[in-house]
C-alpha atoms as a PDB file:
ATOM      1  CA  MET A   1     187.472 182.333  43.459  1.00  0.00           C
ATOM      2  CA  VAL A   2     186.727 183.030  47.126  1.00  0.00           C
ATOM      3  CA  SER A   3     187.430 186.620  48.188  1.00  0.00           C
ATOM      4  CA  ASN A   4     189.667 186.956  51.230  1.00  0.00           C
ATOM      5  CA  THR A   5     187.890 189.686  53.165  1.00  0.00           C
ATOM      6  CA  VAL A   6     188.222 189.993  56.923  1.00  0.00           C
ATOM      7  CA  PHE A   7     186.107 192.309  59.067  1.00  0.00           C
ATOM      8  CA  PHE A   8     187.320 193.506  62.470  1.00  0.00           C
ATOM      9  CA  ILE A   9     184.688 195.024  64.743  1.00  0.00           C
ATOM     10  CA  ALA A  10     186.294 196.388  67.884  1.00  0.00           C
ATOM     11  CA  ALA A  11     185.858 198.954  70.643  1.00  0.00           C
ATOM     12  CA  GLU A  12     189.234 200.594  70.090  1.00  0.00           C
ATOM     13  CA  MET A  13     192.102 200.841  67.627  1.00  0.00           C
ATOM     14  CA  THR A  14     195.523 202.487  67.716  1.00  0.00           C
ATOM     15  CA  PRO A  15     196.143 205.339  66.833  1.00  0.00           C
ATOM     16  CA  PHE A  16     192.545 206.567  66.776  1.00  0.00           C
ATOM     17  CA  ILE A  17     191.450 205.571  70.252  1.00  0.00           C
ATOM     18  CA  LYS A  18     193.185 203.336  72.782  1.00  0.00           C
ATOM     19  CA  THR A  19     192.687 202.327  76.403  1.00  0.00           C
ATOM     20  CA  GLY A  20     194.553 199.024  76.511  1.00  0.00           C
ATOM     21  CA  GLY A  21     196.118 196.120  74.669  1.00  0.00           C
ATOM     22  CA  LEU A  22     193.095 195.550  72.433  1.00  0.00           C
ATOM     23  CA  GLY A  23     193.800 198.840  70.658  1.00  0.00           C
ATOM     24  CA  ASP A  24     197.356 197.706  69.891  1.00  0.00           C
ATOM     25  CA  VAL A  25     196.175 194.374  68.493  1.00  0.00           C
ATOM     26  CA  VAL A  26     193.488 195.907  66.281  1.00  0.00           C
ATOM     27  CA  GLY A  27     195.979 198.543  65.133  1.00  0.00           C
ATOM     28  CA  ALA A  28     198.650 196.011  64.143  1.00  0.00           C
ATOM     29  CA  LEU A  29     196.942 192.776  63.034  1.00  0.00           C
ATOM     30  CA  PRO A  30     194.929 194.229  60.114  1.00  0.00           C
ATOM     31  CA  LYS A  31     198.098 195.825  58.727  1.00  0.00           C
ATOM     32  CA  SER A  32     199.864 192.462  58.783  1.00  0.00           C
ATOM     33  CA  LEU A  33     196.979 190.826  56.942  1.00  0.00           C
ATOM     34  CA  VAL A  34     196.938 193.591  54.303  1.00  0.00           C
ATOM     35  CA  GLU A  35     200.643 192.941  53.674  1.00  0.00           C
ATOM     36  CA  LYS A  36     199.701 189.314  52.947  1.00  0.00           C
ATOM     37  CA  GLY A  37     197.128 190.368  50.352  1.00  0.00           C
ATOM     38  CA  VAL A  38     194.024 190.083  52.508  1.00  0.00           C
ATOM     39  CA  ASP A  39     191.228 192.625  52.056  1.00  0.00           C
ATOM     40  CA  VAL A  40     190.598 194.018  55.554  1.00  0.00           C
ATOM     41  CA  LYS A  41     187.863 196.269  56.919  1.00  0.00           C
ATOM     42  CA  VAL A  42     187.933 197.623  60.485  1.00  0.00           C
ATOM     43  CA  ILE A  43     184.832 199.035  62.171  1.00  0.00           C
ATOM     44  CA  ILE A  44     185.054 200.970  65.446  1.00  0.00           C
ATOM     45  CA  PRO A  45     182.630 203.295  67.224  1.00  0.00           C
ATOM     46  CA  LEU A  46     182.842 206.949  66.242  1.00  0.00           C
ATOM     47  CA  TYR A  47     183.917 208.279  69.615  1.00  0.00           C
ATOM     48  CA  SER A  48     183.666 212.027  70.066  1.00  0.00           C
ATOM     49  CA  LYS A  49     187.431 212.185  70.617  1.00  0.00           C
ATOM     50  CA  ILE A  50     188.208 210.772  67.151  1.00  0.00           C
ATOM     51  CA  ASP A  51     188.904 213.315  64.408  1.00  0.00           C
ATOM     52  CA  TYR A  52     187.735 211.080  61.569  1.00  0.00           C
ATOM     53  CA  GLN A  53     188.389 213.769  58.936  1.00  0.00           C
ATOM     54  CA  LYS A  54     192.016 214.129  60.068  1.00  0.00           C
ATOM     55  CA  TYR A  55     192.633 210.393  59.633  1.00  0.00           C
ATOM     56  CA  GLY A  56     190.540 210.068  56.484  1.00  0.00           C
ATOM     57  CA  LEU A  57     188.114 207.630  58.096  1.00  0.00           C
ATOM     58  CA  ARG A  58     184.781 206.876  56.460  1.00  0.00           C
ATOM     59  CA  LYS A  59     181.456 206.715  58.235  1.00  0.00           C
ATOM     60  CA  VAL A  60     179.666 203.448  57.501  1.00  0.00           C
ATOM     61  CA  MET A  61     176.624 204.241  59.626  1.00  0.00           C
ATOM     62  CA  GLN A  62     174.989 207.582  60.267  1.00  0.00           C
ATOM     63  CA  GLY A  63     174.324 208.585  63.844  1.00  0.00           C
ATOM     64  CA  ASN A  64     175.608 210.556  66.771  1.00  0.00           C
ATOM     65  CA  CYS A  65     179.131 210.269  68.103  1.00  0.00           C
ATOM     66  CA  VAL A  66     179.680 207.876  70.998  1.00  0.00           C
ATOM     67  CA  ASN A  67     180.782 209.758  74.091  1.00  0.00           C
ATOM     68  CA  MET A  68     183.746 208.278  75.901  1.00  0.00           C
ATOM     69  CA  GLY A  69     184.190 208.476  79.672  1.00  0.00           C
ATOM     70  CA  ASP A  70     187.319 208.380  81.800  1.00  0.00           C
ATOM     71  CA  ALA A  71     187.957 204.803  80.706  1.00  0.00           C
ATOM     72  CA  ILE A  72     186.115 202.821  78.076  1.00  0.00           C
ATOM     73  CA  ALA A  73     185.972 199.589  80.086  1.00  0.00           C
ATOM     74  CA  THR A  74     185.729 200.681  83.693  1.00  0.00           C
ATOM     75  CA  SER A  75     184.816 204.360  83.709  1.00  0.00           C
ATOM     76  CA  LYS A  76     183.880 206.181  86.881  1.00  0.00           C
ATOM     77  CA  HIS A  77     180.246 205.896  85.851  1.00  0.00           C
ATOM     78  CA  ASN A  78     178.369 203.582  83.484  1.00  0.00           C
ATOM     79  CA  PRO A  79     181.211 201.133  82.728  1.00  0.00           C
ATOM     80  CA  CYS A  80     180.597 198.925  79.715  1.00  0.00           C
ATOM     81  CA  PHE A  81     182.163 195.879  81.412  1.00  0.00           C
ATOM     82  CA  GLY A  82     181.588 194.525  84.904  1.00  0.00           C
ATOM     83  CA  ASN A  83     184.915 192.692  84.895  1.00  0.00           C
ATOM     84  CA  VAL A  84     188.067 192.549  82.823  1.00  0.00           C
ATOM     85  CA  TYR A  85     189.949 189.243  82.817  1.00  0.00           C
ATOM     86  CA  LYS A  86     193.711 189.036  82.303  1.00  0.00           C
ATOM     87  CA  LEU A  87     195.804 185.971  81.424  1.00  0.00           C
ATOM     88  CA  VAL A  88     198.454 185.555  84.140  1.00  0.00           C
ATOM     89  CA  GLN A  89     199.615 181.948  83.769  1.00  0.00           C
ATOM     90  CA  ILE A  90     199.629 179.233  81.114  1.00  0.00           C
ATOM     91  CA  GLY A  91     199.982 175.812  82.704  1.00  0.00           C
ATOM     92  CA  ASP A  92     202.853 176.202  85.154  1.00  0.00           C
ATOM     93  CA  THR A  93     204.357 179.187  83.338  1.00  0.00           C
ATOM     94  CA  PRO A  94     203.592 182.720  84.609  1.00  0.00           C
ATOM     95  CA  VAL A  95     202.994 185.252  81.824  1.00  0.00           C
ATOM     96  CA  LEU A  96     202.957 189.036  81.644  1.00  0.00           C
ATOM     97  CA  LYS A  97     200.916 191.310  79.394  1.00  0.00           C
ATOM     98  CA  ARG A  98     203.137 193.982  77.865  1.00  0.00           C
ATOM     99  CA  SER A  99     201.786 197.502  78.099  1.00  0.00           C
ATOM    100  CA  GLU A 100     203.199 200.975  77.547  1.00  0.00           C
ATOM    101  CA  ASP A 101     201.079 202.151  80.482  1.00  0.00           C
ATOM    102  CA  LYS A 102     202.706 201.200  83.796  1.00  0.00           C
ATOM    103  CA  ALA A 103     199.328 201.204  85.538  1.00  0.00           C
ATOM    104  CA  LYS A 104     198.088 198.465  83.192  1.00  0.00           C
ATOM    105  CA  LEU A 105     201.100 196.189  83.646  1.00  0.00           C
ATOM    106  CA  ILE A 106     199.487 193.168  85.290  1.00  0.00           C
ATOM    107  CA  ASN A 107     200.949 190.972  87.992  1.00  0.00           C
ATOM    108  CA  PRO A 108     201.910 187.513  86.661  1.00  0.00           C
ATOM    109  CA  GLY A 109     201.422 184.079  88.192  1.00  0.00           C
ATOM    110  CA  PHE A 110     198.789 182.288  90.256  1.00  0.00           C
ATOM    111  CA  GLN A 111     197.969 184.797  92.963  1.00  0.00           C
ATOM    112  CA  ILE A 112     195.945 185.261  96.100  1.00  0.00           C
ATOM    113  CA  THR A 113     195.004 188.567  97.740  1.00  0.00           C
ATOM    114  CA  TYR A 114     194.681 188.787 101.508  1.00  0.00           C
ATOM    115  CA  ARG A 115     192.728 191.489 103.318  1.00  0.00           C
ATOM    116  CA  ILE A 116     194.341 192.327 106.645  1.00  0.00           C
ATOM    117  CA  ILE A 117     191.850 193.139 109.424  1.00  0.00           C
ATOM    118  CA  ARG A 118     192.651 194.653 112.811  1.00  0.00           C
ATOM    119  CA  ASP A 119     190.378 196.276 115.415  1.00  0.00           C
ATOM    120  CA  ASN A 120     187.447 195.342 113.164  1.00  0.00           C
ATOM    121  CA  ARG A 121     188.780 197.588 110.389  1.00  0.00           C
ATOM    122  CA  PHE A 122     190.256 196.794 106.980  1.00  0.00           C
ATOM    123  CA  LYS A 123     193.913 197.836 107.140  1.00  0.00           C
ATOM    124  CA  ALA A 124     195.575 196.615 103.941  1.00  0.00           C
ATOM    125  CA  ASP A 125     195.372 194.278 100.951  1.00  0.00           C
ATOM    126  CA  ILE A 126     198.396 192.164 100.064  1.00  0.00           C
ATOM    127  CA  THR A 127     198.654 190.174  96.827  1.00  0.00           C
ATOM    128  CA  CYS A 128     201.006 187.172  96.929  1.00  0.00           C
ATOM    129  CA  LEU A 129     201.967 184.234  94.821  1.00  0.00           C
ATOM    130  CA  ARG A 130     200.087 181.312  96.293  1.00  0.00           C
ATOM    131  CA  GLY A 131     202.313 179.580  98.816  1.00  0.00           C
ATOM    132  CA  ASP A 132     205.150 182.117  98.769  1.00  0.00           C
ATOM    133  CA  GLU A 133     206.862 183.343 101.942  1.00  0.00           C
ATOM    134  CA  MET A 134     204.499 186.269 102.577  1.00  0.00           C
ATOM    135  CA  SER A 135     201.482 184.068 101.944  1.00  0.00           C
ATOM    136  CA  ARG A 136     202.687 181.544 104.531  1.00  0.00           C
ATOM    137  CA  LYS A 137     203.388 184.300 107.067  1.00  0.00           C
ATOM    138  CA  ILE A 138     199.908 185.759 106.701  1.00  0.00           C
ATOM    139  CA  GLU A 139     198.130 182.426 107.002  1.00  0.00           C
ATOM    140  CA  SER A 140     200.146 181.550 110.121  1.00  0.00           C
ATOM    141  CA  GLY A 141     199.520 184.968 111.711  1.00  0.00           C
ATOM    142  CA  SER A 142     203.233 185.852 111.812  1.00  0.00           C
ATOM    143  CA  GLU A 143     204.647 189.375 111.810  1.00  0.00           C
ATOM    144  CA  ILE A 144     204.457 191.016 108.379  1.00  0.00           C
ATOM    145  CA  THR A 145     205.710 194.325 106.999  1.00  0.00           C
ATOM    146  CA  ILE A 146     204.412 196.135 103.922  1.00  0.00           C
ATOM    147  CA  ARG A 147     206.063 199.024 102.057  1.00  0.00           C
ATOM    148  CA  ASP A 148     204.944 202.018 100.050  1.00  0.00           C
ATOM    149  CA  GLU A 149     205.184 201.528  96.289  1.00  0.00           C
ATOM    150  CA  PHE A 150     207.165 204.728  95.705  1.00  0.00           C
ATOM    151  CA  ASP A 151     208.975 205.239  99.028  1.00  0.00           C
ATOM    152  CA  GLU A 152     210.521 202.162 100.662  1.00  0.00           C
ATOM    153  CA  THR A 153     211.137 204.111 103.867  1.00  0.00           C
ATOM    154  CA  LEU A 154     207.384 204.212 104.467  1.00  0.00           C
ATOM    155  CA  THR A 155     206.477 200.892 106.056  1.00  0.00           C
ATOM    156  CA  LYS A 156     203.704 199.374 108.137  1.00  0.00           C
ATOM    157  CA  THR A 157     204.267 196.384 110.414  1.00  0.00           C
ATOM    158  CA  PHE A 158     201.583 194.104 111.784  1.00  0.00           C
ATOM    159  CA  ALA A 159     202.808 192.204 114.837  1.00  0.00           C
ATOM    160  CA  ALA A 160     202.248 188.463 115.149  1.00  0.00           C
ATOM    161  CA  GLY A 161     198.791 187.671 116.449  1.00  0.00           C
ATOM    162  CA  SER A 162     197.582 191.279 116.087  1.00  0.00           C
ATOM    163  CA  TYR A 163     195.474 190.777 112.961  1.00  0.00           C
ATOM    164  CA  ARG A 164     193.186 188.399 111.131  1.00  0.00           C
ATOM    165  CA  TRP A 165     192.857 187.923 107.400  1.00  0.00           C
ATOM    166  CA  LYS A 166     190.514 186.778 104.687  1.00  0.00           C
ATOM    167  CA  ALA A 167     191.173 185.789 101.083  1.00  0.00           C
ATOM    168  CA  LEU A 168     189.382 187.992  98.544  1.00  0.00           C
ATOM    169  CA  GLN A 169     189.244 185.322  95.835  1.00  0.00           C
ATOM    170  CA  ILE A 170     186.746 182.500  96.078  1.00  0.00           C
ATOM    171  CA  PRO A 171     186.398 179.418  93.804  1.00  0.00           C
ATOM    172  CA  MET A 172     183.887 179.925  91.004  1.00  0.00           C
ATOM    173  CA  MET A 173     184.406 176.803  88.871  1.00  0.00           C
ATOM    174  CA  GLU A 174     185.875 173.363  89.406  1.00  0.00           C
ATOM    175  CA  GLY A 175     186.231 170.651  86.780  1.00  0.00           C
ATOM    176  CA  GLY A 176     184.332 172.800  84.296  1.00  0.00           C
ATOM    177  CA  GLU A 177     181.350 173.144  86.624  1.00  0.00           C
ATOM    178  CA  ILE A 178     180.132 176.262  88.430  1.00  0.00           C
ATOM    179  CA  ILE A 179     180.415 175.704  92.181  1.00  0.00           C
ATOM    180  CA  TYR A 180     179.662 179.247  93.336  1.00  0.00           C
ATOM    181  CA  GLU A 181     176.326 179.612  95.107  1.00  0.00           C
ATOM    182  CA  ASP A 182     174.793 182.933  94.162  1.00  0.00           C
ATOM    183  CA  THR A 183     173.169 185.211  96.724  1.00  0.00           C
ATOM    184  CA  THR A 184     170.047 187.334  96.588  1.00  0.00           C
ATOM    185  CA  LEU A 185     170.118 191.053  95.872  1.00  0.00           C
ATOM    186  CA  PRO A 186     169.370 191.979  99.533  1.00  0.00           C
ATOM    187  CA  GLN A 187     172.250 189.703 100.613  1.00  0.00           C
ATOM    188  CA  LYS A 188     174.583 191.427  98.142  1.00  0.00           C
ATOM    189  CA  GLN A 189     173.508 194.831  99.462  1.00  0.00           C
ATOM    190  CA  ALA A 190     174.083 193.773 103.064  1.00  0.00           C
ATOM    191  CA  TYR A 191     177.535 192.369 102.194  1.00  0.00           C
ATOM    192  CA  TYR A 192     178.501 195.599 100.426  1.00  0.00           C
ATOM    193  CA  LYS A 193     177.358 197.805 103.315  1.00  0.00           C
ATOM    194  CA  GLU A 194     179.102 195.627 105.892  1.00  0.00           C
ATOM    195  CA  ASN A 195     182.398 195.773 103.982  1.00  0.00           C
ATOM    196  CA  LEU A 196     182.100 199.507 103.376  1.00  0.00           C
ATOM    197  CA  SER A 197     181.619 200.124 107.087  1.00  0.00           C
ATOM    198  CA  MET A 198     184.962 198.448 107.839  1.00  0.00           C
ATOM    199  CA  PHE A 199     187.016 201.025 105.934  1.00  0.00           C
ATOM    200  CA  ASN A 200     188.292 204.042 107.804  1.00  0.00           C
ATOM    201  CA  GLU A 201     186.151 207.155 107.348  1.00  0.00           C
ATOM    202  CA  THR A 202     189.185 209.085 106.097  1.00  0.00           C
ATOM    203  CA  GLU A 203     189.499 206.602 103.194  1.00  0.00           C
ATOM    204  CA  LYS A 204     185.855 207.005 102.160  1.00  0.00           C
ATOM    205  CA  ARG A 205     185.590 210.773 102.051  1.00  0.00           C
ATOM    206  CA  LEU A 206     185.502 212.411  98.623  1.00  0.00           C
ATOM    207  CA  LEU A 207     187.709 215.372  99.517  1.00  0.00           C
ATOM    208  CA  ASN A 208     191.388 214.512 100.086  1.00  0.00           C
ATOM    209  CA  PRO A 209     190.847 210.867 101.023  1.00  0.00           C
ATOM    210  CA  HIS A 210     193.619 208.858 102.641  1.00  0.00           C
ATOM    211  CA  TYR A 211     195.041 206.087 100.481  1.00  0.00           C
ATOM    212  CA  TYR A 212     194.136 202.538 101.435  1.00  0.00           C
ATOM    213  CA  LYS A 213     197.302 200.455 101.823  1.00  0.00           C
ATOM    214  CA  VAL A 214     198.022 197.794  99.187  1.00  0.00           C
ATOM    215  CA  ASP A 215     201.195 195.816  98.509  1.00  0.00           C
ATOM    216  CA  ILE A 216     202.549 192.778  96.696  1.00  0.00           C
ATOM    217  CA  SER A 217     204.836 190.159  98.159  1.00  0.00           C
ATOM    218  CA  ASP A 218     208.580 190.098  97.460  1.00  0.00           C
ATOM    219  CA  GLY A 219     208.109 186.820  95.589  1.00  0.00           C
ATOM    220  CA  LEU A 220     205.529 188.343  93.252  1.00  0.00           C
ATOM    221  CA  PHE A 221     207.608 191.499  92.775  1.00  0.00           C
ATOM    222  CA  ASP A 222     210.732 189.488  91.889  1.00  0.00           C
ATOM    223  CA  LEU A 223     208.776 187.335  89.423  1.00  0.00           C
ATOM    224  CA  LYS A 224     207.260 190.399  87.778  1.00  0.00           C
ATOM    225  CA  MET A 225     210.564 192.239  87.428  1.00  0.00           C
ATOM    226  CA  GLY A 226     212.268 189.102  86.140  1.00  0.00           C
ATOM    227  CA  LEU A 227     209.690 188.728  83.350  1.00  0.00           C
ATOM    228  CA  ILE A 228     209.971 192.425  82.486  1.00  0.00           C
ATOM    229  CA  ASN A 229     213.772 192.218  82.259  1.00  0.00           C
ATOM    230  CA  ASN A 230     213.552 189.069  80.117  1.00  0.00           C
ATOM    231  CA  LEU A 231     211.082 190.807  77.813  1.00  0.00           C
ATOM    232  CA  ILE A 232     213.394 193.822  77.460  1.00  0.00           C
ATOM    233  CA  GLU A 233     216.297 191.526  76.550  1.00  0.00           C
ATOM    234  CA  GLU A 234     214.175 189.663  73.986  1.00  0.00           C
ATOM    235  CA  ILE A 235     213.176 192.952  72.345  1.00  0.00           C
ATOM    236  CA  LYS A 236     216.830 194.103  72.270  1.00  0.00           C
ATOM    237  CA  ASN A 237     217.952 190.812  70.718  1.00  0.00           C
ATOM    238  CA  LEU A 238     215.153 190.973  68.151  1.00  0.00           C
ATOM    239  CA  LYS A 239     216.095 194.517  67.132  1.00  0.00           C
ATOM    240  CA  SER A 240     219.769 193.619  66.843  1.00  0.00           C
ATOM    241  CA  SER A 241     218.958 190.664  64.570  1.00  0.00           C
ATOM    242  CA  LEU A 242     216.953 192.782  62.127  1.00  0.00           C
END
């Protein structure tokens, strides 16, 4: 008889250590499999923040604890990942990753981010749904207004014809083939330095820096809030049916 044993090897697991959705999955899926009679083993790094004696965890390998920075994936120094990819749309249907942390609640849908440039300085980044009203205004050079995330009375208006823009996303693959032409290391360094020079000095200082302005379009905001409200209703209906 074949033994049903499943090993999970992961970077995080709720409730021991968690930085994102992976911890929730690894914390819940093994339990569900155990309830179905599957023998499950979960292996995670022994981070210094984990009190393995408190939780009754067993060391499977001897060694030093793994130190954990400000964030396991994209810490302020020595990140373990260069990029983190999020699923935002399946076919023509926008999707939203549920998270208890508001800062990790992604924007859904097929998006494009515009960098607004005026007087040879970067002024703001605006993320839109591709082809929505704000996107069309930016590409036509029309007047646009952005608002503060927490205080709608704080606004910034860019008059028609007073700015230029560039899209931050570029095509990487098409038809399953890589179409991006890589650059040399000196070219990457020059690009980085050129872009850095276009930020205001007050935004680059380490002590009390000014916040760089970012915003999302009304279309993207409405889509996001609509998905959140639908998700809340689905959870309520599920709880009431139990």
